[in-house]
Each structure stands twice: as structure tokens, then as C-alpha cells.
């Protein structure tokens, strides 16, 4: 399956929100209202095939040298196509270019992220995330997502 990666435009927001909220309905992602996607649109990258949105991800800068990949979602029909991998690679390259030295994820898909070099860590190692976002999450304090982190090297290839 061929697809393209690109930065989104405002017209993509309803599709991004629908994709995220579809995964949210399955308990795999937190819901994101339209207003939040509009507000953070510049954090996102999307993948599309023949003009149809098939995936999205966002790199959110949390703190000095700390970023989070979040809202990673790929439609079922595009699973295994490399779209998810490409979205994560895009976010990691963007983090590197911004000077973000450490990237983390909260996920249920640990094996997927291990392929990029992420390793499990304690949520306590991410106090900026815990006190900014997690305390407002409906799953707090009993979150079952796994926190993983990747320290970016000086040379991203």
C-alpha cells in the first residue's frame, strides 16, 4: 500500500479527530475534541492514500528537551503497510531537528516502539507529563498504559 506523509491542513482536523476518537472508543487512545486538534494541529503529521486519511501522529513538546509522541493511529486497512512506522520516524526526525533530546510514549504497543529503540520507564520519570496531563485523565491514577522513552542520539539516520 502506497501512502504519503504530510503536515496537515485545517481541513484535515475533522478526519484526524474522527480517527483518534475511533481508537478512543476502543479504549486505545484518549479522546481529543475538535478544539484540541485545531489547537495542536502543528504538532501533527498525517498519512494519506489517494486523498484519504489513513493515519496520524503528533509530536508534542512537553518541556525542555522532552517530547511526546501521541495520538498515533492508523486505520485497520492500512495496518502492516508501514504507515505507523513512517509516522513515528517522522516525529522522531522532527524531535531531533527541534533539539528535543528525549521522546516518550504512553502505549499498549510496546513491541512496536521497541523496534525504534524505546524502552520501558516509570511514569515517575516523566513528572512534567504526570502533573500536566495525567492528573486530568480519567484513568488517573490507575493508568494501565506502559510508559516508554527513547534518548535521541546526535546522529539520526
C-alpha atoms as a PDB file:
ATOM      1  CA  UNK A   1       0.000   0.000   0.000  1.00  0.00           C
ATOM      2  CA  UNK A   2       1.467   3.321  -1.034  1.00  0.00           C
ATOM      3  CA  UNK A   3       0.842   6.369   1.109  1.00  0.00           C
ATOM      4  CA  UNK A   4       2.132   9.902   1.548  1.00  0.00           C
ATOM      5  CA  UNK A   5       3.173  11.703   4.721  1.00  0.00           C
ATOM      6  CA  UNK A   6       2.499  15.395   5.081  1.00  0.00           C
ATOM      7  CA  UNK A   7       1.805  18.089   7.611  1.00  0.00           C
ATOM      8  CA  UNK A   8      -1.954  18.541   7.982  1.00  0.00           C
ATOM      9  CA  UNK A   9      -4.108  21.473   6.998  1.00  0.00           C
ATOM     10  CA  UNK A  10      -7.151  22.828   8.798  1.00  0.00           C
ATOM     11  CA  UNK A  11      -9.495  20.801   6.569  1.00  0.00           C
ATOM     12  CA  UNK A  12      -7.892  17.620   7.964  1.00  0.00           C
ATOM     13  CA  UNK A  13      -8.954  18.311  11.557  1.00  0.00           C
ATOM     14  CA  UNK A  14     -12.353  16.529  11.464  1.00  0.00           C
ATOM     15  CA  UNK A  15     -10.724  13.427   9.954  1.00  0.00           C
ATOM     16  CA  UNK A  16      -7.885  13.449  12.488  1.00  0.00           C
ATOM     17  CA  UNK A  17     -10.332  13.810  15.380  1.00  0.00           C
ATOM     18  CA  UNK A  18     -12.553  11.045  13.990  1.00  0.00           C
ATOM     19  CA  UNK A  19      -9.588   8.685  13.635  1.00  0.00           C
ATOM     20  CA  UNK A  20      -8.346   9.388  17.163  1.00  0.00           C
ATOM     21  CA  UNK A  21     -11.811   9.139  18.665  1.00  0.00           C
ATOM     22  CA  UNK A  22     -12.465   5.840  16.880  1.00  0.00           C
ATOM     23  CA  UNK A  23      -9.438   4.423  18.705  1.00  0.00           C
ATOM     24  CA  UNK A  24     -10.592   6.149  21.883  1.00  0.00           C
ATOM     25  CA  UNK A  25     -13.907   4.308  21.663  1.00  0.00           C
ATOM     26  CA  UNK A  26     -11.915   1.062  21.740  1.00  0.00           C
ATOM     27  CA  UNK A  27     -10.005   2.215  24.839  1.00  0.00           C
ATOM     28  CA  UNK A  28      -6.728   2.533  22.931  1.00  0.00           C
ATOM     29  CA  UNK A  29      -6.293   6.322  22.899  1.00  0.00           C
ATOM     30  CA  UNK A  30      -7.609   9.206  24.910  1.00  0.00           C
ATOM     31  CA  UNK A  31     -10.349  11.190  23.160  1.00  0.00           C
ATOM     32  CA  UNK A  32      -9.384  14.500  21.578  1.00  0.00           C
ATOM     33  CA  UNK A  33     -12.094  17.104  20.951  1.00  0.00           C
ATOM     34  CA  UNK A  34     -12.005  19.086  17.718  1.00  0.00           C
ATOM     35  CA  UNK A  35     -10.872  22.171  19.616  1.00  0.00           C
ATOM     36  CA  UNK A  36      -7.816  20.335  20.908  1.00  0.00           C
ATOM     37  CA  UNK A  37      -6.858  19.045  17.457  1.00  0.00           C
ATOM     38  CA  UNK A  38      -7.231  22.556  15.990  1.00  0.00           C
ATOM     39  CA  UNK A  39      -5.134  23.999  18.807  1.00  0.00           C
ATOM     40  CA  UNK A  40      -2.349  21.432  18.336  1.00  0.00           C
ATOM     41  CA  UNK A  41      -2.620  20.990  14.557  1.00  0.00           C
ATOM     42  CA  UNK A  42       1.020  21.945  14.033  1.00  0.00           C
ATOM     43  CA  UNK A  43       2.081  19.006  16.242  1.00  0.00           C
ATOM     44  CA  UNK A  44       0.537  16.506  13.809  1.00  0.00           C
ATOM     45  CA  UNK A  45       1.663  14.608  10.759  1.00  0.00           C
ATOM     46  CA  UNK A  46      -0.790  12.609   8.673  1.00  0.00           C
ATOM     47  CA  UNK A  47      -0.550   9.761   6.224  1.00  0.00           C
ATOM     48  CA  UNK A  48      -2.938   9.522   3.328  1.00  0.00           C
ATOM     49  CA  UNK A  49      -3.588   7.243   0.420  1.00  0.00           C
ATOM     50  CA  UNK A  50      -5.305   8.541  -2.706  1.00  0.00           C
ATOM     51  CA  UNK A  51      -6.514  11.590  -0.799  1.00  0.00           C
ATOM     52  CA  UNK A  52      -7.927   9.573   2.116  1.00  0.00           C
ATOM     53  CA  UNK A  53      -6.545   9.987   5.619  1.00  0.00           C
ATOM     54  CA  UNK A  54      -5.214   6.637   6.852  1.00  0.00           C
ATOM     55  CA  UNK A  55      -3.166   7.661   9.881  1.00  0.00           C
ATOM     56  CA  UNK A  56      -1.917  10.377  12.158  1.00  0.00           C
ATOM     57  CA  UNK A  57       0.536  11.060  14.947  1.00  0.00           C
ATOM     58  CA  UNK A  58       1.631  14.096  16.902  1.00  0.00           C
ATOM     59  CA  UNK A  59       4.918  15.211  18.393  1.00  0.00           C
ATOM     60  CA  UNK A  60       4.151  17.365  21.405  1.00  0.00           C
ATOM     61  CA  UNK A  61       6.981  19.269  23.068  1.00  0.00           C
ATOM     62  CA  UNK A  62       6.328  18.861  26.786  1.00  0.00           C
ATOM     63  CA  UNK A  63       9.310  20.516  28.409  1.00  0.00           C
ATOM     64  CA  UNK A  64      12.906  21.450  27.781  1.00  0.00           C
ATOM     65  CA  UNK A  65      14.398  18.606  25.700  1.00  0.00           C
ATOM     66  CA  UNK A  66      11.347  16.393  26.327  1.00  0.00           C
ATOM     67  CA  UNK A  67       8.762  15.445  23.723  1.00  0.00           C
ATOM     68  CA  UNK A  68       5.887  13.002  23.482  1.00  0.00           C
ATOM     69  CA  UNK A  69       4.607  11.076  20.508  1.00  0.00           C
ATOM     70  CA  UNK A  70       0.880  10.855  20.969  1.00  0.00           C
ATOM     71  CA  UNK A  71      -2.333  10.239  19.093  1.00  0.00           C
ATOM     72  CA  UNK A  72      -0.704   7.627  16.854  1.00  0.00           C
ATOM     73  CA  UNK A  73      -3.495   5.941  14.923  1.00  0.00           C
ATOM     74  CA  UNK A  74      -3.634   4.026  11.629  1.00  0.00           C
ATOM     75  CA  UNK A  75      -6.842   2.669  10.118  1.00  0.00           C
ATOM     76  CA  UNK A  76      -7.195  -1.101  10.253  1.00  0.00           C
ATOM     77  CA  UNK A  77      -6.965  -1.479   6.474  1.00  0.00           C
ATOM     78  CA  UNK A  78      -3.521   0.172   6.483  1.00  0.00           C
ATOM     79  CA  UNK A  79      -2.038  -1.871   9.341  1.00  0.00           C
ATOM     80  CA  UNK A  80       1.173  -3.556   8.240  1.00  0.00           C
ATOM     81  CA  UNK A  81       1.699  -1.069   5.397  1.00  0.00           C
ATOM     82  CA  UNK A  82       4.495   0.815   7.158  1.00  0.00           C
ATOM     83  CA  UNK A  83       2.331   3.877   7.728  1.00  0.00           C
ATOM     84  CA  UNK A  84       2.671   3.696  11.530  1.00  0.00           C
ATOM     85  CA  UNK A  85       6.421   3.238  11.285  1.00  0.00           C
ATOM     86  CA  UNK A  86       6.693   6.198   8.899  1.00  0.00           C
ATOM     87  CA  UNK A  87       4.622   8.413  11.209  1.00  0.00           C
ATOM     88  CA  UNK A  88       6.837   7.605  14.195  1.00  0.00           C
ATOM     89  CA  UNK A  89      10.022   8.106  12.158  1.00  0.00           C
ATOM     90  CA  UNK A  90       8.706  11.488  11.018  1.00  0.00           C
ATOM     91  CA  UNK A  91       8.025  12.513  14.624  1.00  0.00           C
ATOM     92  CA  UNK A  92      11.446  11.324  15.788  1.00  0.00           C
ATOM     93  CA  UNK A  93      13.197  13.223  12.999  1.00  0.00           C
ATOM     94  CA  UNK A  94      11.204  16.332  13.850  1.00  0.00           C
ATOM     95  CA  UNK A  95      12.131  15.957  17.528  1.00  0.00           C
ATOM     96  CA  UNK A  96      15.790  15.682  16.590  1.00  0.00           C
ATOM     97  CA  UNK A  97      15.580  18.773  14.381  1.00  0.00           C
ATOM     98  CA  UNK A  98      13.910  20.728  17.204  1.00  0.00           C
ATOM     99  CA  UNK A  99      16.649  19.741  19.653  1.00  0.00           C
ATOM    100  CA  UNK A 100      14.390  17.505  21.724  1.00  0.00           C
ATOM    101  CA  UNK A 101      16.752  15.001  23.298  1.00  0.00           C
ATOM    102  CA  UNK A 102      14.253  12.597  24.849  1.00  0.00           C
ATOM    103  CA  UNK A 103      10.953  11.331  23.470  1.00  0.00           C
ATOM    104  CA  UNK A 104       8.408   9.259  25.347  1.00  0.00           C
ATOM    105  CA  UNK A 105       5.169   7.465  24.626  1.00  0.00           C
ATOM    106  CA  UNK A 106       2.360   6.009  26.704  1.00  0.00           C
ATOM    107  CA  UNK A 107       1.244   2.903  24.874  1.00  0.00           C
ATOM    108  CA  UNK A 108      -0.155  -0.600  24.838  1.00  0.00           C
ATOM    109  CA  UNK A 109       2.021  -1.471  21.810  1.00  0.00           C
ATOM    110  CA  UNK A 110       5.401  -1.904  23.496  1.00  0.00           C
ATOM    111  CA  UNK A 111       6.865  -4.235  20.854  1.00  0.00           C
ATOM    112  CA  UNK A 112       6.111  -1.718  18.117  1.00  0.00           C
ATOM    113  CA  UNK A 113       8.016   1.035  19.931  1.00  0.00           C
ATOM    114  CA  UNK A 114      10.869  -1.257  20.954  1.00  0.00           C
ATOM    115  CA  UNK A 115      11.739  -1.505  17.243  1.00  0.00           C
ATOM    116  CA  UNK A 116      12.702   2.173  17.369  1.00  0.00           C
ATOM    117  CA  UNK A 117      14.810   1.743  20.496  1.00  0.00           C
ATOM    118  CA  UNK A 118      12.227   2.827  23.076  1.00  0.00           C
ATOM    119  CA  UNK A 119      12.452   1.081  26.437  1.00  0.00           C
ATOM    120  CA  UNK A 120      10.077   0.947  29.371  1.00  0.00           C
ATOM    121  CA  UNK A 121      10.420   3.515  32.120  1.00  0.00           C
ATOM    122  CA  UNK A 122       8.470   4.543  35.185  1.00  0.00           C
ATOM    123  CA  UNK A 123       5.853   7.237  34.795  1.00  0.00           C
ATOM    124  CA  UNK A 124       7.573   8.831  37.785  1.00  0.00           C
ATOM    125  CA  UNK A 125      10.484   9.539  35.412  1.00  0.00           C
ATOM    126  CA  UNK A 126       8.126  11.831  33.471  1.00  0.00           C
ATOM    127  CA  UNK A 127       6.885  14.305  36.102  1.00  0.00           C
ATOM    128  CA  UNK A 128       6.102  17.013  33.531  1.00  0.00           C
ATOM    129  CA  UNK A 129       3.644  14.657  31.832  1.00  0.00           C
ATOM    130  CA  UNK A 130       2.171  13.253  35.017  1.00  0.00           C
ATOM    131  CA  UNK A 131       1.427  16.630  36.576  1.00  0.00           C
ATOM    132  CA  UNK A 132       0.364  18.373  33.377  1.00  0.00           C
ATOM    133  CA  UNK A 133      -1.820  15.804  31.627  1.00  0.00           C
ATOM    134  CA  UNK A 134      -2.120  12.573  33.579  1.00  0.00           C
ATOM    135  CA  UNK A 135      -3.771  14.101  36.637  1.00  0.00           C
ATOM    136  CA  UNK A 136      -6.671  15.191  34.401  1.00  0.00           C
ATOM    137  CA  UNK A 137      -7.016  11.815  32.704  1.00  0.00           C
ATOM    138  CA  UNK A 138      -9.995   9.596  33.585  1.00  0.00           C
ATOM    139  CA  UNK A 139      -7.571   6.672  34.044  1.00  0.00           C
ATOM    140  CA  UNK A 140      -5.507   8.502  36.683  1.00  0.00           C
ATOM    141  CA  UNK A 141      -4.088   7.180  38.998  1.00  0.00           C
ATOM    142  CA  UNK A 142      -4.795   3.657  37.711  1.00  0.00           C
ATOM    143  CA  UNK A 143      -3.367   4.077  34.225  1.00  0.00           C
ATOM    144  CA  UNK A 144      -2.618   0.790  32.511  1.00  0.00           C
ATOM    145  CA  UNK A 145      -0.593   2.272  29.659  1.00  0.00           C
ATOM    146  CA  UNK A 146       3.112   1.486  29.542  1.00  0.00           C
ATOM    147  CA  UNK A 147       5.497   4.436  29.552  1.00  0.00           C
ATOM    148  CA  UNK A 148       8.467   4.140  27.228  1.00  0.00           C
ATOM    149  CA  UNK A 149      11.311   6.501  26.472  1.00  0.00           C
ATOM    150  CA  UNK A 150      13.939   6.983  23.782  1.00  0.00           C
ATOM    151  CA  UNK A 151      17.023   9.126  24.182  1.00  0.00           C
ATOM    152  CA  UNK A 152      17.858  10.539  20.775  1.00  0.00           C
ATOM    153  CA  UNK A 153      21.462  10.369  19.705  1.00  0.00           C
ATOM    154  CA  UNK A 154      23.355  13.130  17.998  1.00  0.00           C
ATOM    155  CA  UNK A 155      23.024  11.366  14.661  1.00  0.00           C
ATOM    156  CA  UNK A 156      19.533  10.480  13.403  1.00  0.00           C
ATOM    157  CA  UNK A 157      19.692   8.495  10.171  1.00  0.00           C
END
